[in-house]
Amino acid sequence: MQMEHDLEILATTHYENFPVASVFIPKRYRKALRLIYAFARVADDFADEGNAGVEERLERLDKWETALHDALTGTAVNVFFQSLAEVIRNFEIPVKLFDDLLTAFRMDARGLHCATFDDLAFYCRHSANPVGRIVLHLFGSAGGQNCLWADDICTALQLTNFWQDISVDIQKKRVYIPDEDFERFGCSRKSSEAGLSGITEQQCRLLMEFEVERTRQLFTKGSPLLQSVDAKLSFQLKLTWYGGMRVLEKIEQRHGVTFYRRPALNLFDTALIFTRSLLHR
């Protein structure tokens, strides 16, 4: 029981841009969402936190995946996985979505390098899109076009997180912008501890304007989902959608130069997101 409790606490306290199992989600779904989030959050930490080597990280992820599949066959290693397996069975969530998440975490552990936007989109299809589909299955809304709209929104959210965190990721020697996008604006992805070398502020601005517009188009493409799902999920999705769009606005307010300082949401932004969500029709 202690491990399950600790992982649920993790799900409610670990920093994220967008709320997990918030008060706007009906209570009967919150525990399930926290368990799902905790599964992903711990696996994500296996992939890129601490000082472990690549092989050790991959071994931890393999054991995490095995523990999940064992739980689904009735041999759970602990109460956490037993509870998660019950959620997966009760809500008929395809286990492949969890396997896809672990595929993305393995890519992280090996060091993600995207030559093209297609490479980055492939990563998002495994790192972000499964989360949206899991939530839709949880709420019985995974039919028809909904999953495709959710994919667009989740990819946009993942990209938004990358563009917001550029200054932080550079310090960790991580650059998620595709090589072809750097080349489009006549610069290089080569990084140093001080930032990206050989890139002017003007090039940064033009590059981020390009990335922000492409990301906004994905948010817009997926926006019909906000009206398509059940009301018990709709408002939470609106908060998430407007939260992502507000981060893009903050990046634009910095003229796209997020290579040097991370834009963050404040109380005014939170109020604005909430108001826009309430007024959305």
C-alpha atoms as a PDB file:
ATOM      1  CA  MET A   1       0.000   0.000   0.000  1.00  0.00           C
ATOM      2  CA  GLN A   2       2.853   2.408   0.767  1.00  0.00           C
ATOM      3  CA  MET A   3       4.245   2.279  -2.776  1.00  0.00           C
ATOM      4  CA  GLU A   4       0.812   2.956  -4.267  1.00  0.00           C
ATOM      5  CA  HIS A   5       0.357   5.886  -1.875  1.00  0.00           C
ATOM      6  CA  ASP A   6       3.803   7.295  -2.666  1.00  0.00           C
ATOM      7  CA  LEU A   7       3.186   7.106  -6.413  1.00  0.00           C
ATOM      8  CA  GLU A   8      -0.203   8.814  -6.069  1.00  0.00           C
ATOM      9  CA  ILE A   9       1.474  11.601  -4.079  1.00  0.00           C
ATOM     10  CA  LEU A  10       4.028  11.878  -6.905  1.00  0.00           C
ATOM     11  CA  ALA A  11       1.216  12.281  -9.407  1.00  0.00           C
ATOM     12  CA  THR A  12      -0.273  15.201  -7.521  1.00  0.00           C
ATOM     13  CA  THR A  13       2.927  17.042  -6.588  1.00  0.00           C
ATOM     14  CA  HIS A  14       5.386  16.614  -9.479  1.00  0.00           C
ATOM     15  CA  TYR A  15       5.702  19.803 -11.507  1.00  0.00           C
ATOM     16  CA  GLU A  16       3.853  19.870 -14.811  1.00  0.00           C
ATOM     17  CA  ASN A  17       2.496  22.642 -17.014  1.00  0.00           C
ATOM     18  CA  PHE A  18      -0.937  21.120 -17.163  1.00  0.00           C
ATOM     19  CA  PRO A  19      -3.085  19.759 -14.309  1.00  0.00           C
ATOM     20  CA  VAL A  20      -3.344  16.035 -13.654  1.00  0.00           C
ATOM     21  CA  ALA A  21      -6.589  14.676 -12.211  1.00  0.00           C
ATOM     22  CA  SER A  22      -7.688  18.153 -11.133  1.00  0.00           C
ATOM     23  CA  VAL A  23     -10.831  19.040  -9.198  1.00  0.00           C
ATOM     24  CA  PHE A  24     -12.599  19.533 -12.531  1.00  0.00           C
ATOM     25  CA  ILE A  25     -12.331  15.793 -13.185  1.00  0.00           C
ATOM     26  CA  PRO A  26     -15.116  13.727 -11.519  1.00  0.00           C
ATOM     27  CA  LYS A  27     -13.787  12.052  -8.393  1.00  0.00           C
ATOM     28  CA  ARG A  28     -14.317   8.512  -9.666  1.00  0.00           C
ATOM     29  CA  TYR A  29     -11.666   9.084 -12.356  1.00  0.00           C
ATOM     30  CA  ARG A  30      -9.013  10.819 -10.286  1.00  0.00           C
ATOM     31  CA  LYS A  31      -7.373   7.779  -8.731  1.00  0.00           C
ATOM     32  CA  ALA A  32      -7.145   6.077 -12.134  1.00  0.00           C
ATOM     33  CA  LEU A  33      -5.539   9.163 -13.670  1.00  0.00           C
ATOM     34  CA  ARG A  34      -3.043   9.437 -10.829  1.00  0.00           C
ATOM     35  CA  LEU A  35      -2.039   5.787 -11.201  1.00  0.00           C
ATOM     36  CA  ILE A  36      -1.580   6.189 -14.955  1.00  0.00           C
ATOM     37  CA  TYR A  37       0.377   9.403 -14.500  1.00  0.00           C
ATOM     38  CA  ALA A  38       2.572   7.847 -11.810  1.00  0.00           C
ATOM     39  CA  PHE A  39       3.386   4.911 -14.114  1.00  0.00           C
ATOM     40  CA  ALA A  40       4.519   7.316 -16.824  1.00  0.00           C
ATOM     41  CA  ARG A  41       6.265   9.755 -14.485  1.00  0.00           C
ATOM     42  CA  VAL A  42       8.424   7.073 -12.845  1.00  0.00           C
ATOM     43  CA  ALA A  43       9.319   5.572 -16.224  1.00  0.00           C
ATOM     44  CA  ASP A  44      10.237   9.044 -17.481  1.00  0.00           C
ATOM     45  CA  ASP A  45      12.552   9.490 -14.503  1.00  0.00           C
ATOM     46  CA  PHE A  46      14.153   6.119 -15.233  1.00  0.00           C
ATOM     47  CA  ALA A  47      14.900   7.428 -18.726  1.00  0.00           C
ATOM     48  CA  ASP A  48      16.527  10.767 -17.951  1.00  0.00           C
ATOM     49  CA  GLU A  49      16.997  11.512 -14.257  1.00  0.00           C
ATOM     50  CA  GLY A  50      20.027  10.713 -12.097  1.00  0.00           C
ATOM     51  CA  ASN A  51      23.445   9.451 -13.138  1.00  0.00           C
ATOM     52  CA  ALA A  52      22.659   5.942 -14.397  1.00  0.00           C
ATOM     53  CA  GLY A  53      24.164   4.769 -17.653  1.00  0.00           C
ATOM     54  CA  VAL A  54      22.135   3.993 -20.766  1.00  0.00           C
ATOM     55  CA  GLU A  55      22.060   0.241 -20.237  1.00  0.00           C
ATOM     56  CA  GLU A  56      20.929   0.587 -16.623  1.00  0.00           C
ATOM     57  CA  ARG A  57      18.153   2.959 -17.688  1.00  0.00           C
ATOM     58  CA  LEU A  58      16.970   0.556 -20.369  1.00  0.00           C
ATOM     59  CA  GLU A  59      17.035  -2.328 -17.900  1.00  0.00           C
ATOM     60  CA  ARG A  60      14.856  -0.373 -15.457  1.00  0.00           C
ATOM     61  CA  LEU A  61      12.370   0.398 -18.215  1.00  0.00           C
ATOM     62  CA  ASP A  62      12.278  -3.263 -19.257  1.00  0.00           C
ATOM     63  CA  LYS A  63      11.532  -4.303 -15.668  1.00  0.00           C
ATOM     64  CA  TRP A  64       8.816  -1.614 -15.423  1.00  0.00           C
ATOM     65  CA  GLU A  65       7.187  -2.975 -18.592  1.00  0.00           C
ATOM     66  CA  THR A  66       7.458  -6.562 -17.376  1.00  0.00           C
ATOM     67  CA  ALA A  67       5.861  -5.632 -14.056  1.00  0.00           C
ATOM     68  CA  LEU A  68       2.894  -4.117 -15.906  1.00  0.00           C
ATOM     69  CA  HIS A  69       2.378  -7.134 -18.145  1.00  0.00           C
ATOM     70  CA  ASP A  70       2.764  -9.512 -15.194  1.00  0.00           C
ATOM     71  CA  ALA A  71       0.076  -7.580 -13.344  1.00  0.00           C
ATOM     72  CA  LEU A  72      -2.280  -7.916 -16.303  1.00  0.00           C
ATOM     73  CA  THR A  73      -1.809 -11.701 -16.204  1.00  0.00           C
ATOM     74  CA  GLY A  74      -2.586 -11.806 -12.493  1.00  0.00           C
ATOM     75  CA  THR A  75       0.925 -11.837 -11.008  1.00  0.00           C
ATOM     76  CA  ALA A  76       1.320  -8.252  -9.814  1.00  0.00           C
ATOM     77  CA  VAL A  77       4.600  -7.520  -8.016  1.00  0.00           C
ATOM     78  CA  ASN A  78       2.956  -4.960  -5.720  1.00  0.00           C
ATOM     79  CA  VAL A  79      -0.304  -3.177  -4.964  1.00  0.00           C
ATOM     80  CA  PHE A  80       0.492  -0.304  -7.314  1.00  0.00           C
ATOM     81  CA  PHE A  81       0.675  -2.530 -10.385  1.00  0.00           C
ATOM     82  CA  GLN A  82      -2.313  -4.550  -9.196  1.00  0.00           C
ATOM     83  CA  SER A  83      -4.356  -1.338  -8.983  1.00  0.00           C
ATOM     84  CA  LEU A  84      -3.097  -0.094 -12.358  1.00  0.00           C
ATOM     85  CA  ALA A  85      -3.968  -3.427 -13.989  1.00  0.00           C
ATOM     86  CA  GLU A  86      -7.496  -3.151 -12.578  1.00  0.00           C
ATOM     87  CA  VAL A  87      -7.847   0.290 -14.136  1.00  0.00           C
ATOM     88  CA  ILE A  88      -6.638  -1.000 -17.518  1.00  0.00           C
ATOM     89  CA  ARG A  89      -9.072  -3.921 -17.430  1.00  0.00           C
ATOM     90  CA  ASN A  90     -12.055  -2.008 -16.037  1.00  0.00           C
ATOM     91  CA  PHE A  91     -11.782   0.792 -18.598  1.00  0.00           C
ATOM     92  CA  GLU A  92     -10.654  -1.475 -21.461  1.00  0.00           C
ATOM     93  CA  ILE A  93      -7.513   0.557 -22.152  1.00  0.00           C
ATOM     94  CA  PRO A  94      -5.226  -1.066 -24.758  1.00  0.00           C
ATOM     95  CA  VAL A  95      -1.961  -2.015 -23.061  1.00  0.00           C
ATOM     96  CA  LYS A  96      -0.163  -1.078 -26.297  1.00  0.00           C
ATOM     97  CA  LEU A  97      -0.617   2.571 -25.315  1.00  0.00           C
ATOM     98  CA  PHE A  98       1.516   1.975 -22.215  1.00  0.00           C
ATOM     99  CA  ASP A  99       4.067   0.054 -24.278  1.00  0.00           C
ATOM    100  CA  ASP A 100       4.232   3.004 -26.685  1.00  0.00           C
ATOM    101  CA  LEU A 101       5.047   5.328 -23.797  1.00  0.00           C
ATOM    102  CA  LEU A 102       7.914   3.075 -22.790  1.00  0.00           C
ATOM    103  CA  THR A 103       9.171   3.117 -26.388  1.00  0.00           C
ATOM    104  CA  ALA A 104       9.466   6.906 -26.133  1.00  0.00           C
ATOM    105  CA  PHE A 105      11.247   6.668 -22.784  1.00  0.00           C
ATOM    106  CA  ARG A 106      13.766   4.265 -24.315  1.00  0.00           C
ATOM    107  CA  MET A 107      14.363   6.828 -27.053  1.00  0.00           C
ATOM    108  CA  ASP A 108      15.012   9.403 -24.317  1.00  0.00           C
ATOM    109  CA  ALA A 109      17.404   7.066 -22.521  1.00  0.00           C
ATOM    110  CA  ARG A 110      19.438   6.549 -25.675  1.00  0.00           C
ATOM    111  CA  GLY A 111      19.463  10.278 -26.424  1.00  0.00           C
ATOM    112  CA  LEU A 112      16.873  11.707 -28.779  1.00  0.00           C
ATOM    113  CA  HIS A 113      18.212  13.346 -31.934  1.00  0.00           C
ATOM    114  CA  CYS A 114      15.745  14.433 -34.611  1.00  0.00           C
ATOM    115  CA  ALA A 115      17.051  15.097 -38.087  1.00  0.00           C
ATOM    116  CA  THR A 116      13.593  15.930 -39.433  1.00  0.00           C
ATOM    117  CA  PHE A 117      10.208  16.995 -38.118  1.00  0.00           C
ATOM    118  CA  ASP A 118       8.938  13.529 -39.058  1.00  0.00           C
ATOM    119  CA  ASP A 119      11.443  12.112 -36.550  1.00  0.00           C
ATOM    120  CA  LEU A 120      10.097  14.445 -33.874  1.00  0.00           C
ATOM    121  CA  ALA A 121       6.495  13.604 -34.784  1.00  0.00           C
ATOM    122  CA  PHE A 122       7.342   9.887 -34.440  1.00  0.00           C
ATOM    123  CA  TYR A 123       8.625  10.554 -30.935  1.00  0.00           C
ATOM    124  CA  CYS A 124       5.460  12.508 -30.056  1.00  0.00           C
ATOM    125  CA  ARG A 125       3.299   9.661 -31.334  1.00  0.00           C
ATOM    126  CA  HIS A 126       4.850   7.537 -28.592  1.00  0.00           C
ATOM    127  CA  SER A 127       5.547  10.066 -25.829  1.00  0.00           C
ATOM    128  CA  ALA A 128       2.418  12.230 -25.900  1.00  0.00           C
ATOM    129  CA  ASN A 129      -0.327  10.804 -28.074  1.00  0.00           C
ATOM    130  CA  PRO A 130      -0.805   7.622 -26.007  1.00  0.00           C
ATOM    131  CA  VAL A 131      -1.661   9.790 -22.994  1.00  0.00           C
ATOM    132  CA  GLY A 132      -4.534  11.447 -24.836  1.00  0.00           C
ATOM    133  CA  ARG A 133      -5.854   8.136 -26.074  1.00  0.00           C
ATOM    134  CA  ILE A 134      -5.622   6.601 -22.604  1.00  0.00           C
ATOM    135  CA  VAL A 135      -7.680   9.465 -21.194  1.00  0.00           C
ATOM    136  CA  LEU A 136     -10.284   9.076 -23.947  1.00  0.00           C
ATOM    137  CA  HIS A 137     -10.588   5.360 -23.189  1.00  0.00           C
ATOM    138  CA  LEU A 138     -10.929   6.159 -19.506  1.00  0.00           C
ATOM    139  CA  PHE A 139     -13.893   8.426 -20.223  1.00  0.00           C
ATOM    140  CA  GLY A 140     -15.462   6.201 -22.878  1.00  0.00           C
ATOM    141  CA  SER A 141     -14.781   8.756 -25.616  1.00  0.00           C
ATOM    142  CA  ALA A 142     -12.230   6.942 -27.779  1.00  0.00           C
ATOM    143  CA  GLY A 143     -14.521   6.331 -30.727  1.00  0.00           C
ATOM    144  CA  GLY A 144     -14.625   7.909 -34.172  1.00  0.00           C
ATOM    145  CA  GLN A 145     -12.495  10.961 -34.888  1.00  0.00           C
ATOM    146  CA  ASN A 146     -11.744  11.739 -31.238  1.00  0.00           C
ATOM    147  CA  CYS A 147      -8.435   9.854 -31.090  1.00  0.00           C
ATOM    148  CA  LEU A 148      -7.085  11.685 -34.144  1.00  0.00           C
ATOM    149  CA  TRP A 149      -8.051  15.070 -32.691  1.00  0.00           C
ATOM    150  CA  ALA A 150      -6.455  14.041 -29.390  1.00  0.00           C
ATOM    151  CA  ASP A 151      -3.257  13.102 -31.249  1.00  0.00           C
ATOM    152  CA  ASP A 152      -3.056  16.603 -32.728  1.00  0.00           C
ATOM    153  CA  ILE A 153      -3.547  18.247 -29.333  1.00  0.00           C
ATOM    154  CA  CYS A 154      -1.117  15.950 -27.526  1.00  0.00           C
ATOM    155  CA  THR A 155       1.588  16.413 -30.149  1.00  0.00           C
ATOM    156  CA  ALA A 156       1.053  20.166 -29.866  1.00  0.00           C
ATOM    157  CA  LEU A 157       1.364  19.977 -26.078  1.00  0.00           C
ATOM    158  CA  GLN A 158       4.604  18.000 -26.329  1.00  0.00           C
ATOM    159  CA  LEU A 159       6.059  20.469 -28.822  1.00  0.00           C
ATOM    160  CA  THR A 160       4.964  23.401 -26.643  1.00  0.00           C
ATOM    161  CA  ASN A 161       6.788  21.859 -23.709  1.00  0.00           C
ATOM    162  CA  PHE A 162       9.929  21.508 -25.828  1.00  0.00           C
ATOM    163  CA  TRP A 163       9.808  25.120 -27.046  1.00  0.00           C
ATOM    164  CA  GLN A 164       9.154  26.386 -23.510  1.00  0.00           C
ATOM    165  CA  ASP A 165      12.044  24.411 -22.001  1.00  0.00           C
ATOM    166  CA  ILE A 166      14.756  25.129 -24.573  1.00  0.00           C
ATOM    167  CA  SER A 167      16.924  27.137 -22.160  1.00  0.00           C
ATOM    168  CA  VAL A 168      16.695  24.357 -19.549  1.00  0.00           C
ATOM    169  CA  ASP A 169      17.283  21.522 -22.004  1.00  0.00           C
ATOM    170  CA  ILE A 170      20.341  23.199 -23.505  1.00  0.00           C
ATOM    171  CA  GLN A 171      22.039  23.008 -20.105  1.00  0.00           C
ATOM    172  CA  LYS A 172      21.380  19.244 -20.148  1.00  0.00           C
ATOM    173  CA  LYS A 173      22.805  18.941 -23.687  1.00  0.00           C
ATOM    174  CA  ARG A 174      19.345  18.212 -25.105  1.00  0.00           C
ATOM    175  CA  VAL A 175      18.022  19.921 -28.202  1.00  0.00           C
ATOM    176  CA  TYR A 176      14.678  18.730 -29.587  1.00  0.00           C
ATOM    177  CA  ILE A 177      14.496  21.112 -32.541  1.00  0.00           C
ATOM    178  CA  PRO A 178      15.020  19.095 -35.748  1.00  0.00           C
ATOM    179  CA  ASP A 179      18.230  19.630 -37.705  1.00  0.00           C
ATOM    180  CA  GLU A 180      16.259  20.602 -40.800  1.00  0.00           C
ATOM    181  CA  ASP A 181      14.596  23.456 -38.911  1.00  0.00           C
ATOM    182  CA  PHE A 182      17.939  24.893 -37.823  1.00  0.00           C
ATOM    183  CA  GLU A 183      19.157  24.644 -41.395  1.00  0.00           C
ATOM    184  CA  ARG A 184      16.010  26.368 -42.668  1.00  0.00           C
ATOM    185  CA  PHE A 185      17.176  29.519 -40.875  1.00  0.00           C
ATOM    186  CA  GLY A 186      20.859  29.182 -41.666  1.00  0.00           C
ATOM    187  CA  CYS A 187      22.100  27.999 -38.280  1.00  0.00           C
ATOM    188  CA  SER A 188      23.381  24.915 -36.472  1.00  0.00           C
ATOM    189  CA  ARG A 189      22.157  22.803 -33.559  1.00  0.00           C
ATOM    190  CA  LYS A 190      25.671  22.630 -32.111  1.00  0.00           C
ATOM    191  CA  SER A 191      25.374  23.434 -28.419  1.00  0.00           C
ATOM    192  CA  SER A 192      27.643  24.529 -25.611  1.00  0.00           C
ATOM    193  CA  GLU A 193      27.138  25.067 -21.909  1.00  0.00           C
ATOM    194  CA  ALA A 194      26.556  28.764 -22.590  1.00  0.00           C
ATOM    195  CA  GLY A 195      23.789  28.076 -25.084  1.00  0.00           C
ATOM    196  CA  LEU A 196      23.622  27.418 -28.813  1.00  0.00           C
ATOM    197  CA  SER A 197      26.750  28.621 -30.539  1.00  0.00           C
ATOM    198  CA  GLY A 198      26.685  30.319 -33.894  1.00  0.00           C
ATOM    199  CA  ILE A 199      23.021  31.347 -33.613  1.00  0.00           C
ATOM    200  CA  THR A 200      22.011  34.984 -33.543  1.00  0.00           C
ATOM    201  CA  GLU A 201      19.038  36.381 -31.658  1.00  0.00           C
ATOM    202  CA  GLN A 202      17.368  37.111 -34.990  1.00  0.00           C
ATOM    203  CA  GLN A 203      17.784  33.497 -36.086  1.00  0.00           C
ATOM    204  CA  CYS A 204      16.369  32.312 -32.746  1.00  0.00           C
ATOM    205  CA  ARG A 205      13.359  34.575 -33.191  1.00  0.00           C
ATOM    206  CA  LEU A 206      12.611  33.415 -36.728  1.00  0.00           C
ATOM    207  CA  LEU A 207      13.126  29.771 -35.806  1.00  0.00           C
ATOM    208  CA  MET A 208      10.752  29.946 -32.848  1.00  0.00           C
ATOM    209  CA  GLU A 209       8.146  31.890 -34.809  1.00  0.00           C
ATOM    210  CA  PHE A 210       8.167  28.994 -37.253  1.00  0.00           C
ATOM    211  CA  GLU A 211       7.894  26.339 -34.511  1.00  0.00           C
ATOM    212  CA  VAL A 212       5.157  28.227 -32.627  1.00  0.00           C
ATOM    213  CA  GLU A 213       3.021  28.649 -35.751  1.00  0.00           C
ATOM    214  CA  ARG A 214       3.337  24.977 -36.668  1.00  0.00           C
ATOM    215  CA  THR A 215       2.390  24.010 -33.127  1.00  0.00           C
ATOM    216  CA  ARG A 216      -0.578  26.401 -33.054  1.00  0.00           C
ATOM    217  CA  GLN A 217      -1.894  24.817 -36.248  1.00  0.00           C
ATOM    218  CA  LEU A 218      -1.900  21.424 -34.511  1.00  0.00           C
ATOM    219  CA  PHE A 219      -3.806  22.840 -31.526  1.00  0.00           C
ATOM    220  CA  THR A 220      -6.357  24.315 -33.928  1.00  0.00           C
ATOM    221  CA  LYS A 221      -6.662  21.099 -35.917  1.00  0.00           C
ATOM    222  CA  GLY A 222      -7.449  19.147 -32.740  1.00  0.00           C
ATOM    223  CA  SER A 223      -9.789  21.742 -31.197  1.00  0.00           C
ATOM    224  CA  PRO A 224     -13.068  20.036 -32.253  1.00  0.00           C
ATOM    225  CA  LEU A 225     -12.304  17.468 -29.544  1.00  0.00           C
ATOM    226  CA  LEU A 226     -13.152  20.048 -26.882  1.00  0.00           C
ATOM    227  CA  GLN A 227     -16.805  19.928 -27.942  1.00  0.00           C
ATOM    228  CA  SER A 228     -16.893  16.271 -28.951  1.00  0.00           C
ATOM    229  CA  VAL A 229     -16.215  14.611 -25.596  1.00  0.00           C
ATOM    230  CA  ASP A 230     -18.516  14.191 -22.622  1.00  0.00           C
ATOM    231  CA  ALA A 231     -19.043  17.270 -20.433  1.00  0.00           C
ATOM    232  CA  LYS A 232     -17.250  15.615 -17.512  1.00  0.00           C
ATOM    233  CA  LEU A 233     -14.031  15.682 -19.522  1.00  0.00           C
ATOM    234  CA  SER A 234     -14.618  18.698 -21.736  1.00  0.00           C
ATOM    235  CA  PHE A 235     -13.752  21.446 -19.246  1.00  0.00           C
ATOM    236  CA  GLN A 236     -10.483  19.788 -18.225  1.00  0.00           C
ATOM    237  CA  LEU A 237      -9.529  19.500 -21.894  1.00  0.00           C
ATOM    238  CA  LYS A 238     -10.351  23.158 -22.422  1.00  0.00           C
ATOM    239  CA  LEU A 239      -8.055  24.099 -19.529  1.00  0.00           C
ATOM    240  CA  THR A 240      -5.302  21.987 -21.032  1.00  0.00           C
ATOM    241  CA  TRP A 241      -5.819  23.343 -24.560  1.00  0.00           C
ATOM    242  CA  TYR A 242      -5.884  26.982 -23.472  1.00  0.00           C
ATOM    243  CA  GLY A 243      -2.916  26.337 -21.181  1.00  0.00           C
ATOM    244  CA  GLY A 244      -0.840  25.157 -24.124  1.00  0.00           C
ATOM    245  CA  MET A 245      -1.975  28.044 -26.294  1.00  0.00           C
ATOM    246  CA  ARG A 246      -1.102  30.517 -23.539  1.00  0.00           C
ATOM    247  CA  VAL A 247       2.440  29.143 -23.321  1.00  0.00           C
ATOM    248  CA  LEU A 248       2.791  29.750 -27.066  1.00  0.00           C
ATOM    249  CA  GLU A 249       1.613  33.331 -26.505  1.00  0.00           C
ATOM    250  CA  LYS A 250       4.241  33.776 -23.781  1.00  0.00           C
ATOM    251  CA  ILE A 251       6.922  32.528 -26.156  1.00  0.00           C
ATOM    252  CA  GLU A 252       5.749  35.061 -28.725  1.00  0.00           C
ATOM    253  CA  GLN A 253       5.809  37.829 -26.122  1.00  0.00           C
ATOM    254  CA  ARG A 254       9.506  37.071 -25.681  1.00  0.00           C
ATOM    255  CA  HIS A 255       9.849  37.429 -29.450  1.00  0.00           C
ATOM    256  CA  GLY A 256      10.545  33.721 -29.606  1.00  0.00           C
ATOM    257  CA  VAL A 257      13.848  33.961 -27.770  1.00  0.00           C
ATOM    258  CA  THR A 258      13.431  31.102 -25.284  1.00  0.00           C
ATOM    259  CA  PHE A 259      17.010  29.932 -25.753  1.00  0.00           C
ATOM    260  CA  TYR A 260      18.094  32.096 -22.828  1.00  0.00           C
ATOM    261  CA  ARG A 261      15.157  32.191 -20.408  1.00  0.00           C
ATOM    262  CA  ARG A 262      12.194  29.899 -19.807  1.00  0.00           C
ATOM    263  CA  PRO A 263       8.749  31.548 -20.073  1.00  0.00           C
ATOM    264  CA  ALA A 264       6.492  30.491 -17.188  1.00  0.00           C
ATOM    265  CA  LEU A 265       2.797  30.818 -16.442  1.00  0.00           C
ATOM    266  CA  ASN A 266       1.818  33.095 -13.537  1.00  0.00           C
ATOM    267  CA  LEU A 267      -1.408  33.749 -11.632  1.00  0.00           C
ATOM    268  CA  PHE A 268      -2.660  36.144 -14.297  1.00  0.00           C
ATOM    269  CA  ASP A 269      -2.099  33.473 -16.941  1.00  0.00           C
ATOM    270  CA  THR A 270      -3.943  30.909 -14.824  1.00  0.00           C
ATOM    271  CA  ALA A 271      -6.921  33.246 -14.460  1.00  0.00           C
ATOM    272  CA  LEU A 272      -6.859  33.964 -18.189  1.00  0.00           C
ATOM    273  CA  ILE A 273      -6.799  30.251 -19.053  1.00  0.00           C
ATOM    274  CA  PHE A 274      -9.700  29.577 -16.689  1.00  0.00           C
ATOM    275  CA  THR A 275     -11.763  32.464 -18.109  1.00  0.00           C
ATOM    276  CA  ARG A 276     -11.136  31.460 -21.710  1.00  0.00           C
ATOM    277  CA  SER A 277     -12.128  27.890 -20.876  1.00  0.00           C
ATOM    278  CA  LEU A 278     -15.359  29.031 -19.242  1.00  0.00           C
ATOM    279  CA  LEU A 279     -16.269  31.206 -22.218  1.00  0.00           C
ATOM    280  CA  HIS A 280     -15.397  28.596 -24.849  1.00  0.00           C
ATOM    281  CA  ARG A 281     -18.371  27.598 -26.980  1.00  0.00           C
END
